[in-house]
PDB file of N, CA and C in Angstrom:
ATOM      1  N   UNK A   1     216.383 301.798 160.943  1.00  0.00           N
ATOM      2  CA  UNK A   1     215.185 302.397 161.432  1.00  0.00           C
ATOM      3  C   UNK A   1     214.370 301.323 161.971  1.00  0.00           C
ATOM      4  N   UNK A   2     213.473 301.810 162.941  1.00  0.00           N
ATOM      5  CA  UNK A   2     212.558 300.966 163.639  1.00  0.00           C
ATOM      6  C   UNK A   2     211.262 301.524 163.616  1.00  0.00           C
ATOM      7  N   UNK A   3     210.280 300.689 163.850  1.00  0.00           N
ATOM      8  CA  UNK A   3     208.878 301.234 163.804  1.00  0.00           C
ATOM      9  C   UNK A   3     208.304 300.906 165.323  1.00  0.00           C
ATOM     10  N   UNK A   4     207.551 301.839 165.929  1.00  0.00           N
ATOM     11  CA  UNK A   4     206.915 301.636 167.125  1.00  0.00           C
ATOM     12  C   UNK A   4     205.341 301.708 166.921  1.00  0.00           C
ATOM     13  N   UNK A   5     204.990 300.501 167.378  1.00  0.00           N
ATOM     14  CA  UNK A   5     203.471 300.262 167.266  1.00  0.00           C
ATOM     15  C   UNK A   5     202.980 300.786 168.781  1.00  0.00           C
ATOM     16  N   UNK A   6     202.140 301.627 168.931  1.00  0.00           N
ATOM     17  CA  UNK A   6     201.487 301.934 170.279  1.00  0.00           C
ATOM     18  C   UNK A   6     200.232 301.670 170.173  1.00  0.00           C
ATOM     19  N   UNK A   7     199.571 301.111 171.097  1.00  0.00           N
ATOM     20  CA  UNK A   7     198.264 300.750 171.412  1.00  0.00           C
ATOM     21  C   UNK A   7     197.691 301.499 172.663  1.00  0.00           C
ATOM     22  N   UNK A   8     196.680 302.186 172.617  1.00  0.00           N
ATOM     23  CA  UNK A   8     196.028 302.805 173.686  1.00  0.00           C
ATOM     24  C   UNK A   8     194.674 302.205 173.867  1.00  0.00           C
ATOM     25  N   UNK A   9     194.319 301.858 175.091  1.00  0.00           N
ATOM     26  CA  UNK A   9     193.046 301.372 175.446  1.00  0.00           C
ATOM     27  C   UNK A   9     192.427 302.226 176.406  1.00  0.00           C
ATOM     28  N   UNK A  10     191.243 302.914 175.928  1.00  0.00           N
ATOM     29  CA  UNK A  10     190.695 304.092 176.678  1.00  0.00           C
ATOM     30  C   UNK A  10     189.995 303.301 177.857  1.00  0.00           C
ATOM     31  N   UNK A  11     189.674 303.925 178.949  1.00  0.00           N
ATOM     32  CA  UNK A  11     188.832 303.487 179.980  1.00  0.00           C
ATOM     33  C   UNK A  11     187.520 303.366 179.471  1.00  0.00           C
ATOM     34  N   UNK A  12     186.582 302.512 180.080  1.00  0.00           N
ATOM     35  CA  UNK A  12     185.157 302.553 179.666  1.00  0.00           C
ATOM     36  C   UNK A  12     184.499 303.898 179.702  1.00  0.00           C
ATOM     37  N   UNK A  13     183.753 304.231 178.683  1.00  0.00           N
ATOM     38  CA  UNK A  13     183.095 305.548 178.612  1.00  0.00           C
ATOM     39  C   UNK A  13     184.198 306.758 178.447  1.00  0.00           C
ATOM     40  N   UNK A  14     185.452 306.436 178.051  1.00  0.00           N
ATOM     41  CA  UNK A  14     186.425 307.591 177.792  1.00  0.00           C
ATOM     42  C   UNK A  14     186.975 307.503 176.489  1.00  0.00           C
ATOM     43  N   UNK A  15     186.448 306.641 175.618  1.00  0.00           N
ATOM     44  CA  UNK A  15     186.956 306.600 174.333  1.00  0.00           C
ATOM     45  C   UNK A  15     186.937 307.889 173.499  1.00  0.00           C
ATOM     46  N   UNK A  16     185.625 308.330 173.497  1.00  0.00           N
ATOM     47  CA  UNK A  16     185.388 309.541 172.564  1.00  0.00           C
ATOM     48  C   UNK A  16     186.222 310.803 173.096  1.00  0.00           C
ATOM     49  N   UNK A  17     186.542 310.844 174.511  1.00  0.00           N
ATOM     50  CA  UNK A  17     187.256 311.834 175.040  1.00  0.00           C
ATOM     51  C   UNK A  17     188.776 311.794 174.479  1.00  0.00           C
ATOM     52  N   UNK A  18     189.169 310.436 174.448  1.00  0.00           N
ATOM     53  CA  UNK A  18     190.481 310.145 174.092  1.00  0.00           C
ATOM     54  C   UNK A  18     190.652 310.678 172.528  1.00  0.00           C
ATOM     55  N   UNK A  19     189.718 309.946 171.700  1.00  0.00           N
ATOM     56  CA  UNK A  19     189.890 310.353 170.360  1.00  0.00           C
ATOM     57  C   UNK A  19     189.855 311.915 170.178  1.00  0.00           C
ATOM     58  N   UNK A  20     188.945 312.686 170.890  1.00  0.00           N
ATOM     59  CA  UNK A  20     188.906 314.139 170.733  1.00  0.00           C
ATOM     60  C   UNK A  20     190.152 314.774 170.926  1.00  0.00           C
ATOM     61  N   UNK A  21     190.950 314.191 172.176  1.00  0.00           N
ATOM     62  CA  UNK A  21     192.185 314.791 172.635  1.00  0.00           C
ATOM     63  C   UNK A  21     193.157 314.436 171.511  1.00  0.00           C
ATOM     64  N   UNK A  22     193.183 313.266 170.884  1.00  0.00           N
ATOM     65  CA  UNK A  22     194.195 313.145 169.716  1.00  0.00           C
ATOM     66  C   UNK A  22     193.772 314.273 168.511  1.00  0.00           C
ATOM     67  N   UNK A  23     192.669 314.216 168.168  1.00  0.00           N
ATOM     68  CA  UNK A  23     192.127 314.865 166.961  1.00  0.00           C
ATOM     69  C   UNK A  23     192.206 316.442 167.146  1.00  0.00           C
ATOM     70  N   UNK A  24     191.808 316.845 168.186  1.00  0.00           N
ATOM     71  CA  UNK A  24     191.947 318.298 168.572  1.00  0.00           C
ATOM     72  C   UNK A  24     193.303 318.899 168.905  1.00  0.00           C
ATOM     73  N   UNK A  25     194.279 318.220 169.382  1.00  0.00           N
ATOM     74  CA  UNK A  25     195.401 318.709 169.978  1.00  0.00           C
ATOM     75  C   UNK A  25     196.717 317.834 170.038  1.00  0.00           C
ATOM     76  N   UNK A  26     196.489 316.676 170.217  1.00  0.00           N
ATOM     77  CA  UNK A  26     197.786 315.832 170.483  1.00  0.00           C
ATOM     78  C   UNK A  26     198.403 315.547 168.977  1.00  0.00           C
ATOM     79  N   UNK A  27     197.687 315.281 168.069  1.00  0.00           N
ATOM     80  CA  UNK A  27     198.367 315.156 166.703  1.00  0.00           C
ATOM     81  C   UNK A  27     199.077 316.391 166.148  1.00  0.00           C
ATOM     82  N   UNK A  28     198.442 317.542 166.598  1.00  0.00           N
ATOM     83  CA  UNK A  28     199.145 318.748 166.228  1.00  0.00           C
ATOM     84  C   UNK A  28     200.545 318.853 166.930  1.00  0.00           C
ATOM     85  N   UNK A  29     200.538 318.520 168.202  1.00  0.00           N
ATOM     86  CA  UNK A  29     201.619 318.610 169.108  1.00  0.00           C
ATOM     87  C   UNK A  29     202.585 317.558 168.552  1.00  0.00           C
ATOM     88  N   UNK A  30     202.358 316.421 168.035  1.00  0.00           N
ATOM     89  CA  UNK A  30     203.260 315.411 167.456  1.00  0.00           C
ATOM     90  C   UNK A  30     203.853 316.132 166.213  1.00  0.00           C
ATOM     91  N   UNK A  31     203.167 316.782 165.403  1.00  0.00           N
ATOM     92  CA  UNK A  31     203.664 317.407 164.209  1.00  0.00           C
ATOM     93  C   UNK A  31     204.743 318.342 164.667  1.00  0.00           C
ATOM     94  N   UNK A  32     204.355 319.225 165.697  1.00  0.00           N
ATOM     95  CA  UNK A  32     205.395 320.227 166.024  1.00  0.00           C
ATOM     96  C   UNK A  32     206.703 319.501 166.560  1.00  0.00           C
ATOM     97  N   UNK A  33     206.497 318.452 167.160  1.00  0.00           N
ATOM     98  CA  UNK A  33     207.783 317.641 167.780  1.00  0.00           C
ATOM     99  C   UNK A  33     208.593 316.989 166.531  1.00  0.00           C
ATOM    100  N   UNK A  34     207.912 316.918 165.454  1.00  0.00           N
ATOM    101  CA  UNK A  34     208.412 316.125 164.397  1.00  0.00           C
ATOM    102  C   UNK A  34     208.408 314.610 164.382  1.00  0.00           C
ATOM    103  N   UNK A  35     207.274 314.219 165.184  1.00  0.00           N
ATOM    104  CA  UNK A  35     207.169 312.766 165.123  1.00  0.00           C
ATOM    105  C   UNK A  35     206.980 312.324 163.688  1.00  0.00           C
ATOM    106  N   UNK A  36     207.613 311.181 163.236  1.00  0.00           N
ATOM    107  CA  UNK A  36     207.295 310.618 161.941  1.00  0.00           C
ATOM    108  C   UNK A  36     206.249 309.589 162.306  1.00  0.00           C
ATOM    109  N   UNK A  37     204.980 310.008 162.033  1.00  0.00           N
ATOM    110  CA  UNK A  37     203.793 309.155 162.185  1.00  0.00           C
ATOM    111  C   UNK A  37     203.461 308.423 160.980  1.00  0.00           C
ATOM    112  N   UNK A  38     203.527 307.230 160.961  1.00  0.00           N
ATOM    113  CA  UNK A  38     203.250 306.413 159.720  1.00  0.00           C
ATOM    114  C   UNK A  38     201.514 306.158 159.425  1.00  0.00           C
ATOM    115  N   UNK A  39     200.845 305.959 160.540  1.00  0.00           N
ATOM    116  CA  UNK A  39     199.556 305.591 160.523  1.00  0.00           C
ATOM    117  C   UNK A  39     198.902 305.674 161.788  1.00  0.00           C
ATOM    118  N   UNK A  40     197.495 305.666 161.511  1.00  0.00           N
ATOM    119  CA  UNK A  40     196.543 305.914 162.863  1.00  0.00           C
ATOM    120  C   UNK A  40     195.305 305.284 162.806  1.00  0.00           C
ATOM    121  N   UNK A  41     195.064 304.260 163.628  1.00  0.00           N
ATOM    122  CA  UNK A  41     193.812 303.552 163.511  1.00  0.00           C
ATOM    123  C   UNK A  41     193.171 303.447 164.780  1.00  0.00           C
ATOM    124  N   UNK A  42     191.770 302.896 164.728  1.00  0.00           N
ATOM    125  CA  UNK A  42     191.148 302.330 165.730  1.00  0.00           C
ATOM    126  C   UNK A  42     190.443 301.037 165.372  1.00  0.00           C
ATOM    127  N   UNK A  43     190.228 300.132 166.286  1.00  0.00           N
ATOM    128  CA  UNK A  43     189.831 298.814 165.939  1.00  0.00           C
ATOM    129  C   UNK A  43     188.454 298.906 165.371  1.00  0.00           C
ATOM    130  N   UNK A  44     188.057 298.282 164.275  1.00  0.00           N
ATOM    131  CA  UNK A  44     186.741 298.415 163.729  1.00  0.00           C
ATOM    132  C   UNK A  44     185.538 298.225 164.739  1.00  0.00           C
ATOM    133  N   UNK A  45     185.781 297.137 165.686  1.00  0.00           N
ATOM    134  CA  UNK A  45     184.736 296.832 166.706  1.00  0.00           C
ATOM    135  C   UNK A  45     184.775 297.415 168.053  1.00  0.00           C
ATOM    136  N   UNK A  46     185.746 298.172 168.216  1.00  0.00           N
ATOM    137  CA  UNK A  46     186.112 298.785 169.507  1.00  0.00           C
ATOM    138  C   UNK A  46     186.952 300.035 169.308  1.00  0.00           C
ATOM    139  N   UNK A  47     186.236 301.202 169.505  1.00  0.00           N
ATOM    140  CA  UNK A  47     186.870 302.433 169.521  1.00  0.00           C
ATOM    141  C   UNK A  47     187.768 302.747 170.667  1.00  0.00           C
ATOM    142  N   UNK A  48     187.570 301.947 171.765  1.00  0.00           N
ATOM    143  CA  UNK A  48     188.525 302.121 172.941  1.00  0.00           C
ATOM    144  C   UNK A  48     189.915 301.915 172.573  1.00  0.00           C
ATOM    145  N   UNK A  49     189.958 301.122 171.405  1.00  0.00           N
ATOM    146  CA  UNK A  49     191.535 300.602 171.053  1.00  0.00           C
ATOM    147  C   UNK A  49     192.018 301.533 169.864  1.00  0.00           C
ATOM    148  N   UNK A  50     192.969 302.308 170.217  1.00  0.00           N
ATOM    149  CA  UNK A  50     193.601 303.220 169.200  1.00  0.00           C
ATOM    150  C   UNK A  50     194.996 302.664 168.912  1.00  0.00           C
ATOM    151  N   UNK A  51     195.354 302.675 167.744  1.00  0.00           N
ATOM    152  CA  UNK A  51     196.758 302.236 167.287  1.00  0.00           C
ATOM    153  C   UNK A  51     197.396 303.401 166.579  1.00  0.00           C
ATOM    154  N   UNK A  52     198.753 303.597 166.759  1.00  0.00           N
ATOM    155  CA  UNK A  52     199.393 304.342 165.807  1.00  0.00           C
ATOM    156  C   UNK A  52     200.778 303.655 165.647  1.00  0.00           C
ATOM    157  N   UNK A  53     201.336 303.953 164.363  1.00  0.00           N
ATOM    158  CA  UNK A  53     202.670 303.504 164.065  1.00  0.00           C
ATOM    159  C   UNK A  53     203.616 304.773 163.871  1.00  0.00           C
ATOM    160  N   UNK A  54     204.743 304.785 164.420  1.00  0.00           N
ATOM    161  CA  UNK A  54     205.734 305.785 164.276  1.00  0.00           C
ATOM    162  C   UNK A  54     207.107 305.319 163.962  1.00  0.00           C
ATOM    163  N   UNK A  55     208.075 306.038 163.319  1.00  0.00           N
ATOM    164  CA  UNK A  55     209.214 305.595 162.934  1.00  0.00           C
ATOM    165  C   UNK A  55     210.300 306.375 163.642  1.00  0.00           C
ATOM    166  N   UNK A  56     211.424 305.614 164.067  1.00  0.00           N
ATOM    167  CA  UNK A  56     212.635 306.264 164.671  1.00  0.00           C
ATOM    168  C   UNK A  56     213.729 305.549 164.238  1.00  0.00           C
ATOM    169  N   UNK A  57     214.887 306.324 164.355  1.00  0.00           N
ATOM    170  CA  UNK A  57     216.208 305.793 164.024  1.00  0.00           C
ATOM    171  C   UNK A  57     216.433 304.435 164.777  1.00  0.00           C
ATOM    172  N   UNK A  58     216.125 304.484 166.161  1.00  0.00           N
ATOM    173  CA  UNK A  58     216.435 303.316 166.966  1.00  0.00           C
ATOM    174  C   UNK A  58     215.689 303.408 168.227  1.00  0.00           C
ATOM    175  N   UNK A  59     215.800 302.591 168.904  1.00  0.00           N
ATOM    176  CA  UNK A  59     214.989 302.488 170.372  1.00  0.00           C
ATOM    177  C   UNK A  59     215.447 303.675 171.127  1.00  0.00           C
ATOM    178  N   UNK A  60     216.749 304.045 171.324  1.00  0.00           N
ATOM    179  CA  UNK A  60     217.222 305.115 172.067  1.00  0.00           C
ATOM    180  C   UNK A  60     216.562 306.514 171.505  1.00  0.00           C
ATOM    181  N   UNK A  61     216.459 306.670 170.347  1.00  0.00           N
ATOM    182  CA  UNK A  61     215.827 307.769 169.567  1.00  0.00           C
ATOM    183  C   UNK A  61     214.429 307.830 170.044  1.00  0.00           C
ATOM    184  N   UNK A  62     213.679 306.759 170.194  1.00  0.00           N
ATOM    185  CA  UNK A  62     212.341 306.885 170.538  1.00  0.00           C
ATOM    186  C   UNK A  62     212.281 307.107 171.995  1.00  0.00           C
ATOM    187  N   UNK A  63     213.139 306.498 172.915  1.00  0.00           N
ATOM    188  CA  UNK A  63     213.158 306.938 174.298  1.00  0.00           C
ATOM    189  C   UNK A  63     213.332 308.342 174.554  1.00  0.00           C
ATOM    190  N   UNK A  64     214.345 308.971 173.916  1.00  0.00           N
ATOM    191  CA  UNK A  64     214.663 310.329 173.985  1.00  0.00           C
ATOM    192  C   UNK A  64     213.404 311.092 173.498  1.00  0.00           C
ATOM    193  N   UNK A  65     212.843 310.766 172.482  1.00  0.00           N
ATOM    194  CA  UNK A  65     211.681 311.515 171.784  1.00  0.00           C
ATOM    195  C   UNK A  65     210.530 311.566 172.936  1.00  0.00           C
ATOM    196  N   UNK A  66     210.045 310.288 173.420  1.00  0.00           N
ATOM    197  CA  UNK A  66     209.009 310.213 174.372  1.00  0.00           C
ATOM    198  C   UNK A  66     209.264 310.874 175.826  1.00  0.00           C
ATOM    199  N   UNK A  67     210.632 310.924 176.023  1.00  0.00           N
ATOM    200  CA  UNK A  67     210.924 311.617 177.430  1.00  0.00           C
ATOM    201  C   UNK A  67     210.741 313.243 177.147  1.00  0.00           C
ATOM    202  N   UNK A  68     211.207 313.734 176.194  1.00  0.00           N
ATOM    203  CA  UNK A  68     211.087 315.058 175.851  1.00  0.00           C
ATOM    204  C   UNK A  68     209.617 315.355 175.696  1.00  0.00           C
ATOM    205  N   UNK A  69     208.970 314.669 174.832  1.00  0.00           N
ATOM    206  CA  UNK A  69     207.606 314.915 174.791  1.00  0.00           C
ATOM    207  C   UNK A  69     206.778 315.026 176.048  1.00  0.00           C
ATOM    208  N   UNK A  70     207.025 313.952 176.979  1.00  0.00           N
ATOM    209  CA  UNK A  70     206.177 314.022 178.194  1.00  0.00           C
ATOM    210  C   UNK A  70     206.762 315.067 179.136  1.00  0.00           C
ATOM    211  N   UNK A  71     207.884 315.663 179.044  1.00  0.00           N
ATOM    212  CA  UNK A  71     208.375 316.778 179.822  1.00  0.00           C
ATOM    213  C   UNK A  71     207.921 318.206 179.390  1.00  0.00           C
ATOM    214  N   UNK A  72     207.288 318.108 178.247  1.00  0.00           N
ATOM    215  CA  UNK A  72     206.999 319.502 177.539  1.00  0.00           C
ATOM    216  C   UNK A  72     205.955 320.006 178.179  1.00  0.00           C
ATOM    217  N   UNK A  73     205.966 321.385 178.634  1.00  0.00           N
ATOM    218  CA  UNK A  73     204.749 322.017 179.377  1.00  0.00           C
ATOM    219  C   UNK A  73     203.419 322.049 178.638  1.00  0.00           C
ATOM    220  N   UNK A  74     203.540 322.153 177.281  1.00  0.00           N
ATOM    221  CA  UNK A  74     202.431 322.190 176.540  1.00  0.00           C
ATOM    222  C   UNK A  74     201.530 320.706 176.588  1.00  0.00           C
ATOM    223  N   UNK A  75     202.349 319.552 176.538  1.00  0.00           N
ATOM    224  CA  UNK A  75     201.747 318.338 176.844  1.00  0.00           C
ATOM    225  C   UNK A  75     201.261 318.132 178.125  1.00  0.00           C
ATOM    226  N   UNK A  76     201.983 318.500 179.245  1.00  0.00           N
ATOM    227  CA  UNK A  76     201.610 318.479 180.615  1.00  0.00           C
ATOM    228  C   UNK A  76     200.215 319.116 180.793  1.00  0.00           C
ATOM    229  N   UNK A  77     200.091 320.402 180.347  1.00  0.00           N
ATOM    230  CA  UNK A  77     198.919 321.208 180.481  1.00  0.00           C
ATOM    231  C   UNK A  77     197.746 320.600 179.752  1.00  0.00           C
ATOM    232  N   UNK A  78     197.967 320.000 178.509  1.00  0.00           N
ATOM    233  CA  UNK A  78     196.941 319.334 177.674  1.00  0.00           C
ATOM    234  C   UNK A  78     196.470 318.138 178.531  1.00  0.00           C
ATOM    235  N   UNK A  79     197.447 317.280 179.089  1.00  0.00           N
ATOM    236  CA  UNK A  79     197.104 316.045 179.651  1.00  0.00           C
ATOM    237  C   UNK A  79     196.270 316.457 180.859  1.00  0.00           C
ATOM    238  N   UNK A  80     196.678 317.439 181.655  1.00  0.00           N
ATOM    239  CA  UNK A  80     196.132 317.711 182.944  1.00  0.00           C
ATOM    240  C   UNK A  80     194.601 318.338 182.491  1.00  0.00           C
ATOM    241  N   UNK A  81     194.440 319.157 181.649  1.00  0.00           N
ATOM    242  CA  UNK A  81     193.084 319.702 181.336  1.00  0.00           C
ATOM    243  C   UNK A  81     192.218 318.745 180.730  1.00  0.00           C
ATOM    244  N   UNK A  82     192.722 317.671 179.914  1.00  0.00           N
ATOM    245  CA  UNK A  82     191.806 316.628 179.316  1.00  0.00           C
ATOM    246  C   UNK A  82     191.334 315.599 180.409  1.00  0.00           C
ATOM    247  N   UNK A  83     192.287 315.512 181.375  1.00  0.00           N
ATOM    248  CA  UNK A  83     191.862 314.618 182.403  1.00  0.00           C
ATOM    249  C   UNK A  83     191.455 315.197 183.718  1.00  0.00           C
ATOM    250  N   UNK A  84     190.854 316.351 183.682  1.00  0.00           N
ATOM    251  CA  UNK A  84     190.372 316.991 184.798  1.00  0.00           C
ATOM    252  C   UNK A  84     189.278 316.118 185.584  1.00  0.00           C
ATOM    253  N   UNK A  85     188.429 315.380 184.706  1.00  0.00           N
ATOM    254  CA  UNK A  85     187.389 314.577 185.328  1.00  0.00           C
ATOM    255  C   UNK A  85     187.888 313.112 185.488  1.00  0.00           C
ATOM    256  N   UNK A  86     189.334 312.934 185.264  1.00  0.00           N
ATOM    257  CA  UNK A  86     189.701 311.508 185.599  1.00  0.00           C
ATOM    258  C   UNK A  86     190.533 311.078 184.398  1.00  0.00           C
ATOM    259  N   UNK A  87     191.234 310.036 184.500  1.00  0.00           N
ATOM    260  CA  UNK A  87     192.196 309.582 183.505  1.00  0.00           C
ATOM    261  C   UNK A  87     191.236 309.057 182.226  1.00  0.00           C
ATOM    262  N   UNK A  88     191.980 308.978 181.016  1.00  0.00           N
ATOM    263  CA  UNK A  88     191.201 308.575 179.781  1.00  0.00           C
ATOM    264  C   UNK A  88     191.746 307.137 179.444  1.00  0.00           C
ATOM    265  N   UNK A  89     192.848 306.819 180.061  1.00  0.00           N
ATOM    266  CA  UNK A  89     193.727 305.652 179.396  1.00  0.00           C
ATOM    267  C   UNK A  89     193.669 304.578 180.378  1.00  0.00           C
ATOM    268  N   UNK A  90     193.155 303.369 180.154  1.00  0.00           N
ATOM    269  CA  UNK A  90     193.432 302.109 180.872  1.00  0.00           C
ATOM    270  C   UNK A  90     194.782 301.581 180.803  1.00  0.00           C
ATOM    271  N   UNK A  91     195.358 301.392 179.546  1.00  0.00           N
ATOM    272  CA  UNK A  91     196.705 300.970 179.400  1.00  0.00           C
ATOM    273  C   UNK A  91     197.253 301.431 178.021  1.00  0.00           C
ATOM    274  N   UNK A  92     198.554 301.557 177.978  1.00  0.00           N
ATOM    275  CA  UNK A  92     199.377 301.858 176.594  1.00  0.00           C
ATOM    276  C   UNK A  92     200.240 300.576 176.647  1.00  0.00           C
ATOM    277  N   UNK A  93     200.354 300.142 175.440  1.00  0.00           N
ATOM    278  CA  UNK A  93     201.374 299.216 175.038  1.00  0.00           C
ATOM    279  C   UNK A  93     202.111 299.427 173.899  1.00  0.00           C
ATOM    280  N   UNK A  94     203.440 299.523 174.012  1.00  0.00           N
ATOM    281  CA  UNK A  94     204.463 300.059 173.035  1.00  0.00           C
ATOM    282  C   UNK A  94     205.304 298.851 172.645  1.00  0.00           C
ATOM    283  N   UNK A  95     205.341 298.519 171.282  1.00  0.00           N
ATOM    284  CA  UNK A  95     206.135 297.370 170.674  1.00  0.00           C
ATOM    285  C   UNK A  95     207.011 297.993 169.668  1.00  0.00           C
ATOM    286  N   UNK A  96     208.250 297.742 169.786  1.00  0.00           N
ATOM    287  CA  UNK A  96     209.181 298.059 168.638  1.00  0.00           C
ATOM    288  C   UNK A  96     209.424 296.978 167.722  1.00  0.00           C
ATOM    289  N   UNK A  97     209.131 297.414 166.510  1.00  0.00           N
ATOM    290  CA  UNK A  97     209.310 296.516 165.197  1.00  0.00           C
ATOM    291  C   UNK A  97     210.498 296.757 164.549  1.00  0.00           C
ATOM    292  N   UNK A  98     211.047 295.667 163.921  1.00  0.00           N
ATOM    293  CA  UNK A  98     212.145 295.773 162.936  1.00  0.00           C
ATOM    294  C   UNK A  98     211.833 294.776 161.820  1.00  0.00           C
ATOM    295  N   UNK A  99     212.242 295.011 160.559  1.00  0.00           N
ATOM    296  CA  UNK A  99     212.203 294.094 159.581  1.00  0.00           C
ATOM    297  C   UNK A  99     213.243 293.021 159.658  1.00  0.00           C
ATOM    298  N   UNK A 100     212.943 291.504 159.678  1.00  0.00           N
ATOM    299  CA  UNK A 100     213.841 290.596 159.755  1.00  0.00           C
ATOM    300  C   UNK A 100     214.696 290.633 158.388  1.00  0.00           C
ATOM    301  N   UNK A 101     216.029 290.136 158.630  1.00  0.00           N
ATOM    302  CA  UNK A 101     217.076 290.229 157.519  1.00  0.00           C
ATOM    303  C   UNK A 101     216.449 289.331 156.364  1.00  0.00           C
ATOM    304  N   UNK A 102     215.748 288.350 156.623  1.00  0.00           N
ATOM    305  CA  UNK A 102     215.316 287.544 155.353  1.00  0.00           C
ATOM    306  C   UNK A 102     214.405 288.290 154.594  1.00  0.00           C
ATOM    307  N   UNK A 103     213.453 289.352 155.095  1.00  0.00           N
ATOM    308  CA  UNK A 103     212.702 289.996 154.400  1.00  0.00           C
ATOM    309  C   UNK A 103     213.165 291.117 153.549  1.00  0.00           C
ATOM    310  N   UNK A 104     214.136 291.732 154.277  1.00  0.00           N
ATOM    311  CA  UNK A 104     214.906 292.867 153.744  1.00  0.00           C
ATOM    312  C   UNK A 104     215.876 292.304 152.566  1.00  0.00           C
ATOM    313  N   UNK A 105     216.438 291.240 152.649  1.00  0.00           N
ATOM    314  CA  UNK A 105     217.149 290.596 151.704  1.00  0.00           C
ATOM    315  C   UNK A 105     216.586 290.360 150.350  1.00  0.00           C
ATOM    316  N   UNK A 106     215.144 290.126 150.453  1.00  0.00           N
ATOM    317  CA  UNK A 106     214.275 289.804 149.317  1.00  0.00           C
ATOM    318  C   UNK A 106     214.182 291.113 148.300  1.00  0.00           C
ATOM    319  N   UNK A 107     214.278 292.227 148.788  1.00  0.00           N
ATOM    320  CA  UNK A 107     214.390 293.422 148.096  1.00  0.00           C
ATOM    321  C   UNK A 107     213.032 293.642 147.601  1.00  0.00           C
TER     322      UNK A 107
END
């Protein structure tokens, strides 16, 4: 198993719109898709920075999941509707994490 840490940085003045999109619709769509969401946060001093952690079998499984998600008509419609006044996101950083053998061996 791997974990994917995703960081979203909202464009200036669009953070609350991005939070609202996650809260009102995206998280429900994640549940419908079966995303194994392990946690969801924003930076204490910067609501523009949203982080979440999700689990996958491996990087290939994550790639398949995100490709299917981005191609889903419900996501496409939601993204278009929520970005009618312009984009919400400045950048997304995705980092795949795995536990080193020396930590796993400690039990």
